Amino acid sequence: MKRIGNMVVLTILLLALTACGKSMADRWQEQYDLGQKYLLEEDYEAAIVAFTAAIEIDPNEAAAYVGRGDAYILSGETEENLTLALVDYEAVLSLYNEALVSGEDGISEEMSEALVQAYLGMADVYIAMGDYEAAEAILQQGLEATGDDQRILEKIASFTESDVDATNNGQYASENGEDTLQFMSRGGYVDFDELEGWKQSLVEALFEVVQDLDDEAIQKTAEIFIAEMDYDTSTYWSTIWKNYKVECNIRREEDDGDPNNIYHFEIRPQNGIGYYIHAEHVLLIDISKVTDDSWWDYYYNTQITYGQCVDWQWNGEATSLETCESLWHTVDGTTDESITSITETGMVQDNYRDGNWTRSYYRWSNWNGSVTENNWTSSKTFSNGILVEEDGEVVEENDYAYYTYNGASSENKLESIIW
């Protein structure tokens, strides 16, 4: 209840801060885009706050309900989260039915897309609950409502009687492990053979280049396949490929005509070396379309984390390598060109940082012709993900937990990082 209360307060603050001087549509879009950004960054609590703010601004826009429902599921498949997600997806169906009854202006493309995503989301909720019959029933209902949408057809095709029977009587779990069964029951899971061709190729290609820890090769490889996506769209899926569990989350944006690609890719073996990539790449293409007072000519940020996995979980030594190259301009001629490199190394226990971690930092900067270089090292000590000491100084008690390659409130992502 405390968490929900905090989210309500944050939502009110967001609404107050964005209310001045903007139309309702602009304010809604701003909060919706913010929610999508947080989803991609895997900050699901912040995403819920942003989507809630969008719903408060315009409760008749279905897409925000879908986004919030997705965020609830991804923040951990607890009974409470699944129930809240189901309520949001059902709200989309209600809005669609109201639009049908009113008959005004027909059904928009946005509403049609939200309807498809709501049915798929509801199916994922029922799968997570272990109710495969309800999942298949809601998908059949979705087929009728959407005119045999291909994505719903594909989802139905993934259900076979043997799969459902094996799952229900525990045969699959006994053969492959309970963790694998839970992984396959997550929202967004797709059998590898049923992924679109470019997504299959992306998984195979990124796995090849990430082993070389080459950020430039990763960037070039990823963008070849991300070009298959339309601008201002996102995609998320998890799958099992060969002997690896895989999760991928991509958003392709367009800012003043320039591409901005943000993606996460994680691949873990049952036992062996796992890899995680987080990257954001911005490239200025057309200066004439820039409308802000400042802009990036380019911004390439790539984080590569690799380490030992045991029974699908991060366990053992891990290293995180982050590189960032950028060139920033303002209309008054100010420029900042920089290169940053960060290396972190330490131990992980059950997906959380534990014990001593060392961090080395290097930054080269050319600010309006003034070149500076800085480098330093630091150390942090963790206890089950909680930072307890930094550079020899005791850290004030907190509930922010660091997992292998990122961090979140200790409540936020516990279930989602267990594969």
Protein backbone atom coordinates (compact mmCIF):
# COMPACT_ATOMS: atom_id res chain seq x y z
CA MET A 1 0.00 0.00 0.00
CA LYS A 2 2.88 2.36 0.75
CA ARG A 3 4.27 1.80 -2.73
CA ILE A 4 0.90 2.58 -4.32
CA GLY A 5 0.57 5.72 -2.19
CA ASN A 6 3.99 6.93 -3.30
CA MET A 7 3.05 6.31 -6.92
CA VAL A 8 -0.13 8.36 -6.50
CA VAL A 9 1.87 11.28 -5.11
CA LEU A 10 4.37 11.05 -7.96
CA THR A 11 1.55 10.97 -10.49
CA ILE A 12 0.01 14.13 -9.05
CA LEU A 13 3.38 15.87 -9.18
CA LEU A 14 3.88 14.84 -12.80
CA LEU A 15 0.47 16.18 -13.73
CA ALA A 16 1.16 19.48 -12.01
CA LEU A 17 4.54 19.90 -13.67
CA THR A 18 3.24 19.20 -17.17
CA ALA A 19 -0.08 21.07 -16.99
CA CYS A 20 1.10 24.56 -17.88
CA GLY A 21 0.93 25.87 -21.43
CA LYS A 22 0.29 22.58 -23.23
CA SER A 23 -2.76 21.04 -24.83
CA MET A 24 -4.28 17.93 -23.31
CA ALA A 25 -3.08 15.89 -26.31
CA ASP A 26 0.48 17.15 -25.90
CA ARG A 27 0.47 16.50 -22.17
CA TRP A 28 -0.89 12.98 -22.71
CA GLN A 29 1.71 12.23 -25.39
CA GLU A 30 4.51 13.51 -23.18
CA GLN A 31 3.56 11.19 -20.31
CA TYR A 32 2.90 8.26 -22.63
CA ASP A 33 6.32 8.65 -24.29
CA LEU A 34 7.89 8.89 -20.86
CA GLY A 35 6.21 5.65 -19.85
CA GLN A 36 7.54 3.92 -22.97
CA LYS A 37 11.02 5.24 -22.22
CA TYR A 38 10.91 3.85 -18.68
CA LEU A 39 9.64 0.51 -19.99
CA LEU A 40 12.64 0.27 -22.27
CA GLU A 41 14.97 1.21 -19.43
CA GLU A 42 13.29 -1.48 -17.32
CA ASP A 43 12.30 1.05 -14.67
CA TYR A 44 8.80 -0.38 -14.38
CA GLU A 45 7.70 1.54 -11.30
CA ALA A 46 8.49 4.84 -13.02
CA ALA A 47 6.71 3.58 -16.15
CA ILE A 48 3.57 2.85 -14.10
CA VAL A 49 3.67 6.38 -12.69
CA ALA A 50 4.02 7.94 -16.15
CA PHE A 51 1.26 5.83 -17.73
CA THR A 52 -1.01 6.60 -14.78
CA ALA A 53 -0.39 10.30 -15.34
CA ALA A 54 -1.32 9.87 -19.02
CA ILE A 55 -4.54 8.08 -18.03
CA GLU A 56 -5.41 10.88 -15.60
CA ILE A 57 -4.92 13.42 -18.38
CA ASP A 58 -7.09 11.54 -20.89
CA PRO A 59 -8.80 8.36 -19.66
CA ASN A 60 -10.17 7.69 -23.14
CA GLU A 61 -6.79 6.94 -24.72
CA ALA A 62 -6.43 3.16 -24.72
CA ALA A 63 -2.67 2.92 -25.36
CA ALA A 64 -1.74 4.13 -21.87
CA TYR A 65 -3.75 1.31 -20.28
CA VAL A 66 -1.84 -1.20 -22.39
CA GLY A 67 1.47 0.37 -21.38
CA ARG A 68 0.60 0.31 -17.70
CA GLY A 69 -0.64 -3.26 -17.91
CA ASP A 70 2.64 -4.31 -19.53
CA ALA A 71 4.59 -2.48 -16.81
CA TYR A 72 2.66 -4.26 -14.06
CA ILE A 73 3.50 -7.66 -15.55
CA LEU A 74 7.16 -6.84 -16.17
CA SER A 75 7.61 -5.48 -12.65
CA GLY A 76 7.04 -9.00 -11.30
CA GLU A 77 4.34 -11.60 -11.90
CA THR A 78 2.82 -11.38 -8.44
CA GLU A 79 -0.89 -11.96 -7.93
CA GLU A 80 -1.40 -8.23 -7.29
CA ASN A 81 0.48 -7.15 -10.44
CA LEU A 82 -1.30 -9.68 -12.63
CA THR A 83 -4.68 -8.55 -11.30
CA LEU A 84 -3.86 -4.88 -11.91
CA ALA A 85 -2.62 -5.69 -15.43
CA LEU A 86 -5.82 -7.57 -16.19
CA VAL A 87 -7.92 -4.58 -15.06
CA ASP A 88 -5.99 -2.29 -17.43
CA TYR A 89 -6.32 -4.62 -20.41
CA GLU A 90 -10.04 -5.00 -19.70
CA ALA A 91 -10.31 -1.20 -19.67
CA VAL A 92 -9.12 -1.21 -23.28
CA LEU A 93 -11.89 -3.63 -24.22
CA SER A 94 -14.43 -1.35 -22.51
CA LEU A 95 -13.16 1.70 -24.41
CA TYR A 96 -13.36 -0.24 -27.66
CA ASN A 97 -16.95 -1.32 -26.97
CA GLU A 98 -17.90 2.27 -26.08
CA ALA A 99 -16.40 3.45 -29.37
CA LEU A 100 -18.41 0.83 -31.26
CA VAL A 101 -21.64 1.90 -29.59
CA SER A 102 -21.04 5.61 -30.18
CA GLY A 103 -20.19 5.05 -33.85
CA GLU A 104 -18.37 8.37 -33.97
CA ASP A 105 -15.54 8.61 -36.52
CA GLY A 106 -15.14 4.85 -36.66
CA ILE A 107 -12.38 2.95 -34.87
CA SER A 108 -8.95 4.60 -35.04
CA GLU A 109 -5.78 2.70 -35.92
CA GLU A 110 -4.47 3.48 -32.43
CA MET A 111 -7.54 1.92 -30.83
CA SER A 112 -7.32 -1.15 -33.08
CA GLU A 113 -3.66 -1.66 -32.15
CA ALA A 114 -4.38 -1.20 -28.44
CA LEU A 115 -7.17 -3.78 -28.71
CA VAL A 116 -4.80 -6.38 -30.18
CA GLN A 117 -2.18 -5.69 -27.52
CA ALA A 118 -4.82 -5.89 -24.78
CA TYR A 119 -5.96 -9.34 -25.88
CA LEU A 120 -2.35 -10.54 -26.11
CA GLY A 121 -1.67 -9.04 -22.68
CA MET A 122 -4.70 -10.71 -21.12
CA ALA A 123 -3.54 -14.03 -22.56
CA ASP A 124 -0.11 -13.51 -20.99
CA VAL A 125 -1.75 -12.80 -17.64
CA TYR A 126 -3.74 -16.02 -17.78
CA ILE A 127 -0.65 -17.96 -18.86
CA ALA A 128 1.27 -16.55 -15.90
CA MET A 129 -1.62 -17.66 -13.69
CA GLY A 130 -1.43 -21.13 -15.21
CA ASP A 131 -4.93 -20.89 -16.70
CA TYR A 132 -4.24 -21.91 -20.30
CA GLU A 133 -7.90 -22.54 -21.10
CA ALA A 134 -8.75 -18.94 -20.19
CA ALA A 135 -5.78 -17.71 -22.23
CA GLU A 136 -6.91 -19.59 -25.32
CA ALA A 137 -10.52 -18.47 -24.82
CA ILE A 138 -9.57 -14.78 -24.61
CA LEU A 139 -7.44 -15.13 -27.74
CA GLN A 140 -10.38 -16.68 -29.61
CA GLN A 141 -12.47 -13.73 -28.47
CA GLY A 142 -9.71 -11.43 -29.68
CA LEU A 143 -9.76 -13.05 -33.11
CA GLU A 144 -13.43 -12.24 -33.51
CA ALA A 145 -12.99 -8.67 -32.30
CA THR A 146 -9.93 -7.90 -34.46
CA GLY A 147 -10.86 -9.70 -37.65
CA ASP A 148 -8.34 -12.54 -37.35
CA ASP A 149 -5.31 -10.45 -36.46
CA GLN A 150 -2.15 -12.35 -37.45
CA ARG A 151 -0.43 -11.83 -34.10
CA ILE A 152 -3.34 -13.35 -32.23
CA LEU A 153 -3.43 -16.25 -34.70
CA GLU A 154 0.26 -16.86 -34.04
CA LYS A 155 -0.31 -16.75 -30.30
CA ILE A 156 -3.08 -19.32 -30.57
CA ALA A 157 -0.87 -21.49 -32.75
CA SER A 158 1.65 -21.62 -29.92
CA PHE A 159 -0.90 -23.50 -27.82
CA THR A 160 -0.98 -27.24 -28.43
CA GLU A 161 -2.82 -29.82 -26.41
CA SER A 162 0.39 -31.62 -25.51
CA ASP A 163 2.05 -28.41 -24.35
CA VAL A 164 -0.86 -27.52 -22.11
CA ASP A 165 -1.23 -31.03 -20.74
CA ALA A 166 2.51 -31.37 -20.07
CA THR A 167 2.62 -28.03 -18.33
CA ASN A 168 -0.44 -28.70 -16.22
CA ASN A 169 0.75 -32.09 -14.97
CA GLY A 170 4.29 -30.91 -14.36
CA GLN A 171 6.00 -33.10 -16.96
CA TYR A 172 7.65 -30.14 -18.68
CA ALA A 173 8.80 -28.72 -15.37
CA SER A 174 10.33 -32.02 -14.31
CA GLU A 175 12.22 -32.35 -17.61
CA ASN A 176 13.38 -28.77 -17.99
CA GLY A 177 13.21 -27.25 -14.51
CA GLU A 178 10.66 -25.05 -12.80
CA ASP A 179 12.64 -21.91 -13.66
CA THR A 180 12.39 -22.69 -17.38
CA LEU A 181 8.63 -23.23 -17.11
CA GLN A 182 8.29 -19.84 -15.39
CA PHE A 183 10.47 -18.21 -18.04
CA MET A 184 8.27 -19.57 -20.81
CA SER A 185 5.17 -18.32 -18.97
CA ARG A 186 6.37 -14.71 -18.89
CA GLY A 187 4.66 -12.01 -20.89
CA GLY A 188 6.28 -11.62 -24.29
CA TYR A 189 7.65 -15.17 -24.54
CA VAL A 190 7.71 -16.57 -28.10
CA ASP A 191 9.14 -19.88 -29.28
CA PHE A 192 12.26 -19.15 -31.32
CA ASP A 193 10.87 -20.83 -34.45
CA GLU A 194 7.87 -18.51 -34.29
CA LEU A 195 9.87 -15.27 -34.07
CA GLU A 196 9.99 -13.07 -37.15
CA GLY A 197 12.98 -13.85 -39.34
CA TRP A 198 14.86 -10.62 -38.56
CA LYS A 199 14.48 -11.23 -34.82
CA GLN A 200 15.92 -14.73 -35.15
CA SER A 201 18.84 -13.32 -37.16
CA LEU A 202 19.38 -10.54 -34.60
CA VAL A 203 19.70 -13.05 -31.75
CA GLU A 204 22.20 -15.16 -33.68
CA ALA A 205 24.24 -12.17 -34.92
CA LEU A 206 24.42 -10.35 -31.57
CA PHE A 207 25.51 -13.54 -29.83
CA GLU A 208 28.41 -13.82 -32.27
CA VAL A 209 29.68 -10.24 -31.85
CA VAL A 210 29.05 -9.80 -28.10
CA GLN A 211 31.56 -12.54 -27.31
CA ASP A 212 34.30 -10.30 -28.77
CA LEU A 213 33.20 -7.43 -26.45
CA ASP A 214 33.41 -5.07 -29.46
CA ASP A 215 31.00 -2.16 -28.92
CA GLU A 216 31.37 -0.85 -32.49
CA ALA A 217 30.60 -4.25 -33.99
CA ILE A 218 27.58 -4.58 -31.69
CA GLN A 219 26.33 -1.15 -32.74
CA LYS A 220 26.67 -1.86 -36.48
CA THR A 221 25.16 -5.33 -36.18
CA ALA A 222 22.15 -4.23 -34.13
CA GLU A 223 21.30 -1.28 -36.35
CA ILE A 224 21.20 -3.45 -39.47
CA PHE A 225 18.30 -5.37 -37.98
CA ILE A 226 16.64 -2.50 -36.10
CA ALA A 227 16.22 -0.81 -39.49
CA GLU A 228 13.45 -3.37 -40.07
CA MET A 229 11.34 -1.49 -37.51
CA ASP A 230 9.24 1.60 -38.14
CA TYR A 231 10.14 4.78 -36.29
CA ASP A 232 8.49 5.40 -32.92
CA THR A 233 7.80 1.73 -32.35
CA SER A 234 9.08 -0.75 -29.79
CA THR A 235 9.25 -4.51 -29.51
CA TYR A 236 9.93 -6.89 -26.64
CA TRP A 237 10.31 -10.63 -26.62
CA SER A 238 11.92 -13.47 -24.71
CA THR A 239 12.72 -16.86 -26.15
CA ILE A 240 14.88 -19.95 -25.79
CA TRP A 241 17.53 -20.40 -28.49
CA LYS A 242 19.69 -23.50 -28.51
CA ASN A 243 20.74 -23.80 -24.85
CA TYR A 244 20.26 -20.12 -24.03
CA LYS A 245 17.47 -18.05 -22.57
CA VAL A 246 17.18 -14.72 -24.37
CA GLU A 247 15.44 -11.41 -23.69
CA CYS A 248 15.36 -8.48 -26.10
CA ASN A 249 13.78 -5.03 -25.80
CA ILE A 250 14.12 -2.46 -28.60
CA ARG A 251 12.74 1.02 -29.21
CA ARG A 252 13.35 2.91 -32.44
CA GLU A 253 12.61 6.61 -32.15
CA GLU A 254 12.82 9.58 -34.48
CA ASP A 255 13.86 12.94 -33.03
CA ASP A 256 13.76 15.87 -35.45
CA GLY A 257 14.24 13.43 -38.30
CA ASP A 258 17.21 11.67 -36.70
CA PRO A 259 17.23 8.01 -35.56
CA ASN A 260 17.53 7.18 -31.88
CA ASN A 261 17.85 3.47 -31.21
CA ILE A 262 17.68 2.10 -27.66
CA TYR A 263 17.93 -1.60 -26.97
CA HIS A 264 18.60 -4.25 -24.34
CA PHE A 265 19.77 -7.77 -25.14
CA GLU A 266 20.43 -10.44 -22.53
CA ILE A 267 21.42 -14.04 -23.12
CA ARG A 268 22.13 -16.62 -20.42
CA PRO A 269 23.19 -20.27 -20.62
CA GLN A 270 22.15 -22.75 -17.96
CA ASN A 271 25.81 -22.93 -16.98
CA GLY A 272 28.52 -20.82 -18.57
CA ILE A 273 29.15 -17.22 -19.61
CA GLY A 274 26.15 -14.93 -20.01
CA TYR A 275 26.04 -11.53 -21.73
CA TYR A 276 23.98 -8.37 -21.41
CA ILE A 277 23.94 -5.35 -23.75
CA HIS A 278 22.37 -1.96 -23.12
CA ALA A 279 22.87 0.63 -25.85
CA GLU A 280 21.59 3.97 -27.05
CA HIS A 281 22.68 5.38 -30.39
CA VAL A 282 21.73 8.81 -31.76
CA LEU A 283 22.98 10.19 -35.08
CA LEU A 284 22.22 13.60 -36.60
CA ILE A 285 21.19 13.24 -40.24
CA ASP A 286 19.51 16.52 -41.16
CA ILE A 287 20.54 19.70 -39.30
CA SER A 288 17.73 21.62 -40.98
CA LYS A 289 15.15 19.65 -38.99
CA VAL A 290 16.62 20.48 -35.58
CA THR A 291 14.19 22.61 -33.56
CA ASP A 292 15.88 22.65 -30.13
CA ASP A 293 18.56 25.03 -28.89
CA SER A 294 21.00 22.13 -28.51
CA TRP A 295 21.46 18.77 -30.17
CA TRP A 296 23.66 15.70 -30.47
CA ASP A 297 25.65 15.33 -33.66
CA TYR A 298 26.15 11.81 -32.42
CA TYR A 299 25.78 9.92 -29.15
CA TYR A 300 26.90 6.32 -28.89
CA ASN A 301 26.58 4.65 -25.49
CA THR A 302 27.09 0.90 -25.11
CA GLN A 303 27.26 -1.18 -21.94
CA ILE A 304 28.42 -4.79 -22.20
CA THR A 305 28.23 -7.01 -19.13
CA TYR A 306 29.49 -10.57 -19.04
CA GLY A 307 29.90 -13.12 -16.28
CA GLN A 308 29.32 -16.59 -14.98
CA CYS A 309 25.82 -18.12 -14.92
CA VAL A 310 24.89 -21.14 -12.81
CA ASP A 311 21.44 -22.76 -13.19
CA TRP A 312 20.41 -19.85 -15.45
CA GLN A 313 21.16 -17.21 -12.79
CA TRP A 314 24.09 -14.79 -12.64
CA ASN A 315 26.47 -16.32 -10.08
CA GLY A 316 30.21 -15.66 -9.92
CA GLU A 317 32.54 -12.99 -11.24
CA ALA A 318 31.08 -10.38 -13.59
CA THR A 319 32.50 -7.43 -15.53
CA SER A 320 30.69 -4.43 -16.99
CA LEU A 321 32.28 -2.37 -19.78
CA GLU A 322 30.65 0.93 -20.73
CA THR A 323 31.81 3.26 -23.50
CA CYS A 324 30.29 6.55 -24.61
CA GLU A 325 31.34 8.79 -27.50
CA SER A 326 29.41 11.99 -28.18
CA LEU A 327 29.45 15.41 -29.83
CA TRP A 328 27.03 18.04 -28.55
CA HIS A 329 26.21 21.46 -30.05
CA THR A 330 24.19 24.53 -29.11
CA VAL A 331 22.86 27.26 -31.34
CA ASP A 332 25.35 29.75 -29.87
CA GLY A 333 28.25 27.61 -31.10
CA THR A 334 29.14 25.80 -27.87
CA THR A 335 30.48 22.29 -28.49
CA ASP A 336 31.37 19.39 -26.24
CA GLU A 337 33.08 16.34 -27.68
CA SER A 338 33.72 13.56 -25.20
CA ILE A 339 34.85 9.96 -24.83
CA THR A 340 34.04 8.07 -21.63
CA SER A 341 35.08 4.58 -20.55
CA ILE A 342 33.91 2.81 -17.38
CA THR A 343 34.90 -0.67 -16.18
CA GLU A 344 33.30 -2.38 -13.17
CA THR A 345 34.26 -5.80 -11.80
CA GLY A 346 33.00 -7.83 -8.87
CA MET A 347 31.02 -10.86 -7.69
CA VAL A 348 27.35 -11.65 -8.22
CA GLN A 349 25.22 -13.99 -6.15
CA ASP A 350 21.78 -15.02 -7.43
CA ASN A 351 21.70 -12.05 -9.85
CA TYR A 352 22.65 -9.42 -7.24
CA ARG A 353 25.98 -7.72 -6.69
CA ASP A 354 27.67 -9.00 -3.58
CA GLY A 355 30.95 -8.17 -1.88
CA ASN A 356 33.53 -5.73 -3.25
CA TRP A 357 33.22 -4.11 -6.69
CA THR A 358 35.92 -1.95 -8.25
CA ARG A 359 35.22 0.81 -10.75
CA SER A 360 37.64 2.61 -13.05
CA TYR A 361 36.55 5.74 -14.90
CA TYR A 362 38.17 7.65 -17.77
CA ARG A 363 36.85 10.73 -19.57
CA TRP A 364 38.35 12.84 -22.33
CA SER A 365 36.53 16.06 -23.15
CA ASN A 366 36.97 18.90 -25.62
CA TRP A 367 34.77 21.76 -24.43
CA ASN A 368 34.99 24.61 -26.95
CA GLY A 369 38.61 23.76 -27.69
CA SER A 370 39.61 23.21 -24.04
CA VAL A 371 40.76 19.62 -23.68
CA THR A 372 40.68 17.84 -20.32
CA GLU A 373 41.30 14.26 -19.22
CA ASN A 374 40.16 12.67 -16.00
CA ASN A 375 40.51 9.18 -14.62
CA TRP A 376 39.99 7.68 -11.20
CA THR A 377 39.08 4.45 -9.44
CA SER A 378 36.57 3.73 -6.70
CA SER A 379 35.23 0.77 -4.79
CA LYS A 380 31.83 -0.26 -3.51
CA THR A 381 30.74 -3.02 -1.18
CA PHE A 382 27.37 -4.72 -1.59
CA SER A 383 25.35 -7.10 0.55
CA ASN A 384 22.78 -9.02 -1.52
CA GLY A 385 22.52 -6.09 -3.92
CA ILE A 386 22.33 -3.35 -1.29
CA LEU A 387 25.18 -0.81 -1.32
CA VAL A 388 26.63 -0.73 2.21
CA GLU A 389 30.00 0.97 1.72
CA GLU A 390 31.59 3.28 -0.86
CA ASP A 391 35.30 4.11 -0.88
CA GLY A 392 35.57 3.04 2.75
CA GLU A 393 32.61 5.13 3.92
CA VAL A 394 29.47 3.46 5.30
CA VAL A 395 26.42 4.21 3.15
CA GLU A 396 23.13 5.23 4.73
CA GLU A 397 20.63 2.38 4.85
CA ASN A 398 18.50 2.19 1.70
CA ASP A 399 16.38 -0.24 -0.31
CA TYR A 400 17.97 0.31 -3.73
CA ALA A 401 19.25 -3.05 -4.98
CA TYR A 402 21.96 -3.47 -7.63
CA TYR A 403 21.69 -6.56 -9.77
CA THR A 404 24.37 -7.73 -12.18
CA TYR A 405 24.25 -4.83 -14.64
CA ASN A 406 21.79 -2.27 -13.31
CA GLY A 407 19.73 -1.36 -10.26
CA ALA A 408 16.22 -0.80 -8.97
CA SER A 409 14.27 -0.64 -5.73
CA SER A 410 14.55 -3.94 -3.92
CA GLU A 411 10.83 -4.60 -4.49
CA ASN A 412 10.80 -3.71 -8.15
CA LYS A 413 12.45 -6.38 -10.28
CA LEU A 414 13.11 -9.34 -8.06
CA GLU A 415 10.97 -11.77 -10.02
CA SER A 416 11.78 -10.45 -13.49
CA ILE A 417 15.53 -11.07 -13.09
CA ILE A 418 15.05 -14.69 -12.00
CA TRP A 419 15.24 -16.79 -15.14
